[in-house]
Amino acid sequence: MGDRLFKPQNAHKLDDPERQVWLPVVDVIRAIAIRPGTHVADVGAGTGYFAIPMAQAVGPNGKVYAIDLQPEMLSLLREKIKQLDATRNINLAQGEASRTTLGPKCADVVLIANVWHELDDHEAALREAARILVPSGTLGLLDWRPDKNSPPGPPSDHRLPANDVVQFLTKHHWTTAPPVNIGLYSYFISARPPHSAESIST
């Protein structure tokens, strides 16, 4: 991960109101088909940009597991949760994409948002996603388009083309939908693990 890891001292950027303009959360929630009762693992949750709205979308019968490697990020998210009664269905966990610390088959959806390009071991992250997903579950990968310049986002040489990510997933026998652009700078890929009870039309 190294220099690609998002730094806690920049956490204020995650809550910049302008972010809703160029990365609308509602579009991501729609893309991963979150509905009441869904259990979601938000890997790399940061300060809760996605986790908090998703907790509201899944309702009292749903659950959001907010996972982050950095305790500083989890502390910031914990403070937010204390102020919002609507987010009592968020469980915080210190972990990473390759080891979330969650139990097996606990999530209908695994969202890895703006983290895939940071990872050193994509195979381990994919195995972990398959482990925690229910058989018909969905992996949602949101990441930065390399054809768009920063800021915002990481330098262009840290970004991974969507087609390369699709090829990686397909090589490991995941079923993918075609990438779609979300907001101004991001692409989104839906995928289901091998032997999934359902498939995504390609």
Protein backbone atom coordinates (compact mmCIF):
# COMPACT_ATOMS: atom_id res chain seq x y z
CA MET A 1 0.00 0.00 0.00
CA GLY A 2 2.74 2.41 1.08
CA ASP A 3 2.48 5.87 -0.44
CA ARG A 4 -0.84 5.02 -2.09
CA LEU A 5 -2.68 4.82 1.26
CA PHE A 6 -4.98 7.77 1.95
CA LYS A 7 -3.63 9.69 4.95
CA PRO A 8 -5.79 10.45 8.03
CA GLN A 9 -4.54 14.05 8.06
CA ASN A 10 -6.43 14.52 4.79
CA ALA A 11 -9.70 13.18 6.22
CA HIS A 12 -11.36 16.59 5.87
CA LYS A 13 -11.30 16.10 2.09
CA LEU A 14 -13.60 13.09 2.47
CA ASP A 15 -16.31 15.29 3.96
CA ASP A 16 -15.97 18.20 1.55
CA PRO A 17 -19.52 19.11 0.37
CA GLU A 18 -18.16 19.46 -3.15
CA ARG A 19 -17.55 15.71 -3.17
CA GLN A 20 -21.28 15.14 -3.48
CA VAL A 21 -21.15 17.07 -6.75
CA TRP A 22 -18.46 14.97 -8.41
CA LEU A 23 -19.22 11.67 -6.61
CA PRO A 24 -22.94 11.45 -5.72
CA VAL A 25 -23.49 8.80 -3.06
CA VAL A 26 -27.01 8.14 -4.33
CA ASP A 27 -25.57 6.95 -7.65
CA VAL A 28 -23.32 4.45 -5.90
CA ILE A 29 -26.17 3.15 -3.74
CA ARG A 30 -28.25 2.71 -6.88
CA ALA A 31 -25.39 0.95 -8.70
CA ILE A 32 -24.99 -1.71 -6.01
CA ALA A 33 -28.75 -2.12 -5.62
CA ILE A 34 -28.86 -1.49 -1.88
CA ARG A 35 -32.34 -1.85 -0.44
CA PRO A 36 -33.92 -2.23 3.01
CA GLY A 37 -32.56 -5.28 4.82
CA THR A 38 -29.29 -5.47 2.86
CA HIS A 39 -26.08 -6.29 4.74
CA VAL A 40 -23.15 -4.32 3.34
CA ALA A 41 -19.43 -4.47 4.03
CA ASP A 42 -17.84 -1.09 3.28
CA VAL A 43 -14.14 -1.83 2.94
CA GLY A 44 -12.06 1.29 3.43
CA ALA A 45 -14.96 3.17 4.99
CA GLY A 46 -12.92 6.20 6.00
CA THR A 47 -15.11 8.79 7.73
CA GLY A 48 -18.35 7.21 6.53
CA TYR A 49 -19.02 9.00 3.25
CA PHE A 50 -20.73 5.87 1.96
CA ALA A 51 -21.34 3.97 5.20
CA ILE A 52 -23.69 6.49 6.80
CA PRO A 53 -26.02 6.95 3.79
CA MET A 54 -25.96 3.18 3.18
CA ALA A 55 -26.96 2.57 6.81
CA GLN A 56 -29.95 4.82 6.24
CA ALA A 57 -30.78 3.03 2.98
CA VAL A 58 -30.69 -0.49 4.45
CA GLY A 59 -32.93 0.50 7.35
CA PRO A 60 -33.27 -1.10 10.78
CA ASN A 61 -33.30 -4.64 9.36
CA GLY A 62 -30.09 -4.08 7.42
CA LYS A 63 -26.52 -3.68 8.55
CA VAL A 64 -23.38 -1.87 7.42
CA TYR A 65 -19.97 -3.17 8.42
CA ALA A 66 -17.60 -0.19 8.21
CA ILE A 67 -14.07 -1.52 7.88
CA ASP A 68 -10.92 0.56 7.84
CA LEU A 69 -7.26 -0.20 8.35
CA GLN A 70 -6.56 3.08 10.13
CA PRO A 71 -7.85 3.55 13.71
CA GLU A 72 -7.81 7.33 13.19
CA MET A 73 -10.46 7.00 10.49
CA LEU A 74 -12.59 4.72 12.65
CA SER A 75 -12.39 7.22 15.52
CA LEU A 76 -13.68 9.99 13.27
CA LEU A 77 -16.51 7.77 12.04
CA ARG A 78 -17.36 6.70 15.59
CA GLU A 79 -17.80 10.35 16.60
CA LYS A 80 -20.17 10.89 13.68
CA ILE A 81 -22.23 7.85 14.60
CA LYS A 82 -22.69 9.12 18.16
CA GLN A 83 -24.43 12.18 16.76
CA LEU A 84 -26.75 10.31 14.39
CA ASP A 85 -29.45 8.02 15.76
CA ALA A 86 -30.16 6.74 12.24
CA THR A 87 -26.78 4.97 12.09
CA ARG A 88 -27.16 2.48 14.93
CA ASN A 89 -26.94 -0.32 12.36
CA ILE A 90 -23.28 0.45 11.57
CA ASN A 91 -20.68 -1.92 13.03
CA LEU A 92 -17.09 -0.67 13.00
CA ALA A 93 -14.17 -3.02 12.49
CA GLN A 94 -10.45 -2.46 12.06
CA GLY A 95 -9.33 -4.52 9.11
CA GLU A 96 -8.28 -4.37 5.50
CA ALA A 97 -9.42 -5.68 2.15
CA SER A 98 -7.41 -8.88 2.50
CA ARG A 99 -8.48 -9.45 6.12
CA THR A 100 -11.70 -7.72 7.09
CA THR A 101 -12.08 -9.61 10.40
CA LEU A 102 -15.74 -10.29 9.48
CA GLY A 103 -17.38 -13.68 9.68
CA PRO A 104 -18.01 -15.80 6.58
CA LYS A 105 -21.02 -15.14 4.35
CA CYS A 106 -22.17 -12.12 6.35
CA ALA A 107 -22.61 -9.60 3.51
CA ASP A 108 -24.96 -9.31 0.57
CA VAL A 109 -22.75 -6.57 -0.85
CA VAL A 110 -19.06 -5.77 -0.48
CA LEU A 111 -18.20 -2.22 -1.51
CA ILE A 112 -14.54 -1.38 -2.11
CA ALA A 113 -14.57 2.32 -2.91
CA ASN A 114 -11.43 4.18 -3.95
CA VAL A 115 -9.25 1.51 -2.36
CA TRP A 116 -8.54 -1.05 -5.11
CA HIS A 117 -5.71 1.06 -6.57
CA GLU A 118 -4.06 1.19 -3.11
CA LEU A 119 -3.86 -2.57 -2.63
CA ASP A 120 -0.68 -4.60 -2.95
CA ASP A 121 -2.42 -8.00 -3.11
CA HIS A 122 -5.56 -7.98 -5.24
CA GLU A 123 -5.85 -11.76 -5.17
CA ALA A 124 -6.02 -11.79 -1.37
CA ALA A 125 -8.64 -9.03 -1.41
CA LEU A 126 -10.72 -10.98 -3.92
CA ARG A 127 -10.52 -14.16 -1.84
CA GLU A 128 -11.64 -12.22 1.22
CA ALA A 129 -14.57 -10.67 -0.65
CA ALA A 130 -15.66 -14.14 -1.78
CA ARG A 131 -15.36 -15.43 1.80
CA ILE A 132 -17.60 -12.78 3.37
CA LEU A 133 -20.17 -12.61 0.55
CA VAL A 134 -23.31 -14.72 0.57
CA PRO A 135 -23.49 -17.06 -2.48
CA SER A 136 -25.61 -14.61 -4.48
CA GLY A 137 -23.72 -11.55 -3.22
CA THR A 138 -22.25 -8.68 -5.20
CA LEU A 139 -18.85 -7.04 -5.12
CA GLY A 140 -18.89 -3.36 -6.08
CA LEU A 141 -15.58 -1.78 -7.07
CA LEU A 142 -15.50 1.99 -7.34
CA ASP A 143 -12.24 3.61 -8.32
CA TRP A 144 -10.62 6.53 -10.08
CA ARG A 145 -10.66 6.87 -13.86
CA PRO A 146 -7.11 7.17 -15.27
CA ASP A 147 -8.33 9.39 -18.10
CA LYS A 148 -9.16 12.15 -15.60
CA ASN A 149 -6.51 14.31 -14.00
CA SER A 150 -6.11 14.96 -10.29
CA PRO A 151 -7.04 16.72 -8.11
CA PRO A 152 -9.25 15.25 -6.85
CA GLY A 153 -7.94 11.74 -6.38
CA PRO A 154 -4.53 10.07 -6.56
CA PRO A 155 -1.87 10.72 -9.20
CA SER A 156 -2.61 9.22 -12.61
CA ASP A 157 0.15 6.61 -12.26
CA HIS A 158 -1.64 5.14 -9.21
CA ARG A 159 -4.91 4.63 -11.08
CA LEU A 160 -5.97 1.34 -12.68
CA PRO A 161 -7.93 1.21 -15.95
CA ALA A 162 -11.39 -0.29 -15.58
CA ASN A 163 -10.75 -2.81 -18.36
CA ASP A 164 -7.67 -4.10 -16.55
CA VAL A 165 -9.73 -4.63 -13.39
CA VAL A 166 -12.41 -6.48 -15.38
CA GLN A 167 -9.75 -8.72 -16.93
CA PHE A 168 -8.36 -9.49 -13.48
CA LEU A 169 -11.80 -10.40 -12.15
CA THR A 170 -12.61 -12.53 -15.18
CA LYS A 171 -9.28 -14.32 -14.92
CA HIS A 172 -10.30 -15.36 -11.40
CA HIS A 173 -13.68 -16.58 -12.63
CA TRP A 174 -15.79 -13.73 -11.33
CA THR A 175 -18.77 -12.68 -13.43
CA THR A 176 -18.69 -8.96 -14.19
CA ALA A 177 -20.98 -6.34 -15.61
CA PRO A 178 -19.53 -3.76 -18.01
CA PRO A 179 -17.91 -0.81 -16.19
CA VAL A 180 -20.00 2.32 -15.87
CA ASN A 181 -18.88 5.85 -15.07
CA ILE A 182 -20.20 7.41 -11.88
CA GLY A 183 -19.85 11.10 -11.16
CA LEU A 184 -17.08 13.02 -12.87
CA TYR A 185 -13.99 10.98 -12.02
CA SER A 186 -14.96 7.42 -11.12
CA TYR A 187 -15.86 4.09 -12.67
CA PHE A 188 -17.88 1.31 -11.09
CA ILE A 189 -17.73 -2.45 -11.68
CA SER A 190 -20.21 -5.01 -10.32
CA ALA A 191 -19.05 -8.60 -9.99
CA ARG A 192 -20.25 -11.89 -8.54
CA PRO A 193 -17.94 -14.60 -7.20
CA PRO A 194 -17.36 -17.96 -8.88
CA HIS A 195 -20.28 -20.40 -8.58
CA SER A 196 -22.61 -17.56 -7.58
CA ALA A 197 -26.26 -18.47 -7.41
CA GLU A 198 -26.96 -15.54 -9.72
CA SER A 199 -24.96 -14.00 -12.54
CA ILE A 200 -24.53 -10.53 -13.95
CA SER A 201 -25.23 -10.13 -17.63
CA THR A 202 -22.15 -9.02 -19.52
